[in-house]
Amino acid sequence: MHETHIVGNILRYLETEEKSFQKPVKKISIALSEFGGISKEHFMEHFKEAVASSKWQSLDIEIKKVPYGPELEITRIEFATAETQK
C-alpha cells in the first residue's frame, strides 16, 4: 500500500532527525499536493494505524493542502524543548 510505505519513510526520517538533534520531535507540518493521490483523511487513517501504541501516537501533525508540488512534503519539524519534555 502506497500510504503505508510513505508513513514508514516518514517515521524513519523522524528517528534520524531525533538522533541528529538529540531531541524528541513533537510536531510535524506536512504539505499534500492537490494533484497527489493522497487525501488528508486517508493519510491520517494510515498514520494513526502505523503509530498506534508507539512513541509517535501523540505526535502533533499539521496537514495543509497546496495547489501544486510534490505529493507529500514535510515542511517543518518542531522538537520538544526542555520545558515540554517535563
N, C-alpha and C. Protein backbone atom coordinates (compact mmCIF):
# COMPACT_ATOMS: atom_id res chain seq x y z
N MET A 1 0.84 -1.18 0.00
CA MET A 1 0.00 0.00 0.00
C MET A 1 0.89 1.25 0.00
N HIS A 2 0.65 2.15 -0.89
CA HIS A 2 1.44 3.35 -1.09
C HIS A 2 1.56 4.21 0.17
N GLU A 3 0.45 4.46 0.84
CA GLU A 3 0.46 5.32 2.02
C GLU A 3 1.24 4.69 3.17
N THR A 4 1.15 3.38 3.32
CA THR A 4 1.88 2.68 4.38
C THR A 4 3.38 2.85 4.17
N HIS A 5 3.82 2.76 2.95
CA HIS A 5 5.23 2.94 2.61
C HIS A 5 5.67 4.38 2.93
N ILE A 6 4.86 5.34 2.58
CA ILE A 6 5.16 6.75 2.86
C ILE A 6 5.26 6.99 4.36
N VAL A 7 4.32 6.47 5.11
CA VAL A 7 4.33 6.66 6.57
C VAL A 7 5.59 6.02 7.16
N GLY A 8 5.95 4.85 6.70
CA GLY A 8 7.17 4.20 7.18
C GLY A 8 8.40 5.05 6.91
N ASN A 9 8.48 5.65 5.74
CA ASN A 9 9.60 6.53 5.40
C ASN A 9 9.62 7.76 6.30
N ILE A 10 8.45 8.32 6.57
CA ILE A 10 8.37 9.49 7.45
C ILE A 10 8.87 9.14 8.85
N LEU A 11 8.46 8.02 9.38
CA LEU A 11 8.87 7.62 10.72
C LEU A 11 10.38 7.36 10.79
N ARG A 12 10.95 6.75 9.77
CA ARG A 12 12.40 6.55 9.73
C ARG A 12 13.13 7.89 9.67
N TYR A 13 12.60 8.82 8.90
CA TYR A 13 13.19 10.16 8.81
C TYR A 13 13.13 10.87 10.17
N LEU A 14 12.01 10.78 10.86
CA LEU A 14 11.88 11.42 12.17
C LEU A 14 12.84 10.81 13.18
N GLU A 15 13.04 9.52 13.14
CA GLU A 15 14.02 8.86 14.01
C GLU A 15 15.42 9.42 13.76
N THR A 16 15.77 9.58 12.49
CA THR A 16 17.08 10.14 12.13
C THR A 16 17.23 11.56 12.64
N GLU A 17 16.18 12.36 12.50
CA GLU A 17 16.22 13.75 12.96
C GLU A 17 16.35 13.82 14.48
N GLU A 18 15.65 12.95 15.20
CA GLU A 18 15.76 12.93 16.65
C GLU A 18 17.19 12.59 17.09
N LYS A 19 17.79 11.63 16.43
CA LYS A 19 19.17 11.27 16.77
C LYS A 19 20.12 12.41 16.45
N SER A 20 19.90 13.06 15.33
CA SER A 20 20.76 14.15 14.90
C SER A 20 20.69 15.34 15.85
N PHE A 21 19.47 15.72 16.26
CA PHE A 21 19.28 16.90 17.11
C PHE A 21 19.25 16.54 18.60
N GLN A 22 19.21 15.24 18.91
CA GLN A 22 19.16 14.74 20.27
C GLN A 22 18.00 15.35 21.07
N LYS A 23 16.88 15.49 20.38
CA LYS A 23 15.64 15.97 21.00
C LYS A 23 14.48 15.23 20.37
N PRO A 24 13.42 14.98 21.14
CA PRO A 24 12.25 14.32 20.54
C PRO A 24 11.46 15.28 19.65
N VAL A 25 10.93 14.73 18.58
CA VAL A 25 10.06 15.50 17.69
C VAL A 25 8.70 15.61 18.36
N LYS A 26 8.13 16.83 18.39
CA LYS A 26 6.81 16.99 18.99
C LYS A 26 5.74 17.32 17.96
N LYS A 27 6.15 17.90 16.81
CA LYS A 27 5.17 18.28 15.80
C LYS A 27 5.82 18.27 14.41
N ILE A 28 5.04 17.84 13.43
CA ILE A 28 5.48 17.96 12.04
C ILE A 28 4.38 18.64 11.23
N SER A 29 4.82 19.38 10.23
CA SER A 29 3.89 20.00 9.28
C SER A 29 4.11 19.35 7.93
N ILE A 30 3.03 18.99 7.30
CA ILE A 30 3.07 18.28 6.02
C ILE A 30 2.24 19.03 5.00
N ALA A 31 2.76 19.14 3.78
CA ALA A 31 2.01 19.70 2.67
C ALA A 31 1.63 18.55 1.74
N LEU A 32 0.34 18.46 1.41
CA LEU A 32 -0.16 17.48 0.45
C LEU A 32 -0.60 18.21 -0.81
N SER A 33 -0.11 17.78 -1.94
CA SER A 33 -0.46 18.41 -3.20
C SER A 33 -1.89 18.05 -3.63
N GLU A 34 -2.59 19.04 -4.14
CA GLU A 34 -3.94 18.80 -4.68
C GLU A 34 -3.89 17.79 -5.83
N PHE A 35 -2.75 17.73 -6.54
CA PHE A 35 -2.61 16.82 -7.67
C PHE A 35 -2.11 15.44 -7.26
N GLY A 36 -1.76 15.29 -5.98
CA GLY A 36 -1.32 13.99 -5.49
C GLY A 36 -2.50 13.08 -5.26
N GLY A 37 -2.23 11.85 -4.98
CA GLY A 37 -3.30 10.88 -4.81
C GLY A 37 -3.67 10.62 -3.36
N ILE A 38 -3.21 11.47 -2.44
CA ILE A 38 -3.47 11.23 -1.02
C ILE A 38 -4.35 12.33 -0.45
N SER A 39 -5.43 11.95 0.20
CA SER A 39 -6.24 12.93 0.90
C SER A 39 -5.74 13.02 2.34
N LYS A 40 -6.04 14.12 2.99
CA LYS A 40 -5.66 14.31 4.39
C LYS A 40 -6.25 13.20 5.25
N GLU A 41 -7.51 12.90 5.06
CA GLU A 41 -8.20 11.90 5.86
C GLU A 41 -7.57 10.51 5.67
N HIS A 42 -7.29 10.17 4.42
CA HIS A 42 -6.72 8.86 4.12
C HIS A 42 -5.31 8.74 4.70
N PHE A 43 -4.52 9.80 4.57
CA PHE A 43 -3.18 9.79 5.14
C PHE A 43 -3.25 9.59 6.66
N MET A 44 -4.12 10.37 7.33
CA MET A 44 -4.22 10.28 8.79
C MET A 44 -4.69 8.90 9.24
N GLU A 45 -5.57 8.29 8.48
CA GLU A 45 -6.03 6.93 8.80
C GLU A 45 -4.84 5.97 8.82
N HIS A 46 -4.00 6.02 7.80
CA HIS A 46 -2.83 5.14 7.73
C HIS A 46 -1.80 5.50 8.78
N PHE A 47 -1.62 6.80 9.03
CA PHE A 47 -0.64 7.23 10.02
C PHE A 47 -1.04 6.74 11.41
N LYS A 48 -2.29 6.95 11.79
CA LYS A 48 -2.75 6.53 13.11
C LYS A 48 -2.63 5.01 13.29
N GLU A 49 -2.92 4.28 12.24
CA GLU A 49 -2.79 2.83 12.30
C GLU A 49 -1.33 2.43 12.50
N ALA A 50 -0.42 3.11 11.81
CA ALA A 50 1.00 2.77 11.88
C ALA A 50 1.63 3.12 13.22
N VAL A 51 1.14 4.17 13.88
CA VAL A 51 1.79 4.63 15.12
C VAL A 51 1.06 4.20 16.39
N ALA A 52 -0.02 3.46 16.24
CA ALA A 52 -0.77 3.01 17.42
C ALA A 52 0.17 2.29 18.39
N SER A 53 0.08 2.63 19.66
CA SER A 53 0.88 2.02 20.72
C SER A 53 2.39 2.24 20.53
N SER A 54 2.76 3.35 19.92
CA SER A 54 4.18 3.67 19.76
C SER A 54 4.44 5.06 20.33
N LYS A 55 5.69 5.43 20.38
CA LYS A 55 6.03 6.77 20.90
C LYS A 55 5.49 7.88 19.99
N TRP A 56 5.13 7.54 18.77
CA TRP A 56 4.65 8.54 17.81
C TRP A 56 3.15 8.79 17.89
N GLN A 57 2.42 8.04 18.69
CA GLN A 57 0.96 8.17 18.69
C GLN A 57 0.47 9.53 19.16
N SER A 58 1.27 10.27 19.92
CA SER A 58 0.83 11.60 20.36
C SER A 58 1.50 12.72 19.58
N LEU A 59 2.17 12.38 18.49
CA LEU A 59 2.81 13.39 17.64
C LEU A 59 1.75 14.33 17.07
N ASP A 60 2.02 15.61 17.16
CA ASP A 60 1.10 16.62 16.62
C ASP A 60 1.41 16.76 15.12
N ILE A 61 0.39 16.63 14.30
CA ILE A 61 0.56 16.71 12.84
C ILE A 61 -0.34 17.80 12.29
N GLU A 62 0.27 18.68 11.52
CA GLU A 62 -0.48 19.73 10.82
C GLU A 62 -0.38 19.41 9.33
N ILE A 63 -1.51 19.31 8.67
CA ILE A 63 -1.52 18.99 7.24
C ILE A 63 -2.20 20.13 6.48
N LYS A 64 -1.51 20.56 5.44
CA LYS A 64 -2.03 21.65 4.61
C LYS A 64 -2.06 21.17 3.16
N LYS A 65 -3.16 21.42 2.48
CA LYS A 65 -3.25 21.13 1.05
C LYS A 65 -2.65 22.29 0.29
N VAL A 66 -1.82 21.97 -0.70
CA VAL A 66 -1.21 23.00 -1.54
C VAL A 66 -1.62 22.74 -2.99
N PRO A 67 -1.70 23.79 -3.81
CA PRO A 67 -2.20 23.62 -5.17
C PRO A 67 -1.28 22.80 -6.09
N TYR A 68 0.00 22.78 -5.80
CA TYR A 68 0.94 22.04 -6.66
C TYR A 68 2.17 21.68 -5.83
N GLY A 69 3.03 20.86 -6.39
CA GLY A 69 4.25 20.45 -5.71
C GLY A 69 4.29 18.96 -5.55
N PRO A 70 5.24 18.49 -4.72
CA PRO A 70 5.34 17.05 -4.50
C PRO A 70 4.07 16.50 -3.86
N GLU A 71 3.85 15.22 -4.05
CA GLU A 71 2.65 14.59 -3.49
C GLU A 71 2.56 14.83 -1.98
N LEU A 72 3.69 14.67 -1.28
CA LEU A 72 3.75 14.89 0.16
C LEU A 72 5.11 15.47 0.49
N GLU A 73 5.12 16.49 1.32
CA GLU A 73 6.39 17.10 1.72
C GLU A 73 6.32 17.50 3.19
N ILE A 74 7.35 17.12 3.95
CA ILE A 74 7.45 17.58 5.33
C ILE A 74 8.01 18.99 5.25
N THR A 75 7.24 19.96 5.71
CA THR A 75 7.65 21.36 5.58
C THR A 75 8.23 21.93 6.86
N ARG A 76 8.00 21.27 7.98
CA ARG A 76 8.51 21.77 9.26
C ARG A 76 8.53 20.65 10.29
N ILE A 77 9.56 20.68 11.12
CA ILE A 77 9.65 19.76 12.24
C ILE A 77 9.91 20.60 13.48
N GLU A 78 9.13 20.38 14.51
CA GLU A 78 9.34 21.06 15.78
C GLU A 78 9.78 20.04 16.81
N PHE A 79 10.83 20.38 17.52
CA PHE A 79 11.36 19.50 18.55
C PHE A 79 10.89 19.95 19.93
N ALA A 80 10.81 19.02 20.84
CA ALA A 80 10.43 19.34 22.21
C ALA A 80 11.53 20.18 22.84
N THR A 81 11.13 21.12 23.66
CA THR A 81 12.08 21.92 24.42
C THR A 81 12.21 21.29 25.81
N ALA A 82 13.14 21.78 26.59
CA ALA A 82 13.31 21.25 27.94
C ALA A 82 12.02 21.38 28.74
N GLU A 83 11.28 22.46 28.53
CA GLU A 83 10.03 22.69 29.26
C GLU A 83 8.94 21.69 28.84
N THR A 84 8.87 21.38 27.55
CA THR A 84 7.80 20.50 27.07
C THR A 84 8.13 19.03 27.30
N GLN A 85 9.37 18.71 27.64
CA GLN A 85 9.74 17.32 27.90
C GLN A 85 9.40 16.89 29.32
N LYS A 86 9.06 17.84 30.19
CA LYS A 86 8.77 17.52 31.60
C LYS A 86 7.41 16.90 31.74
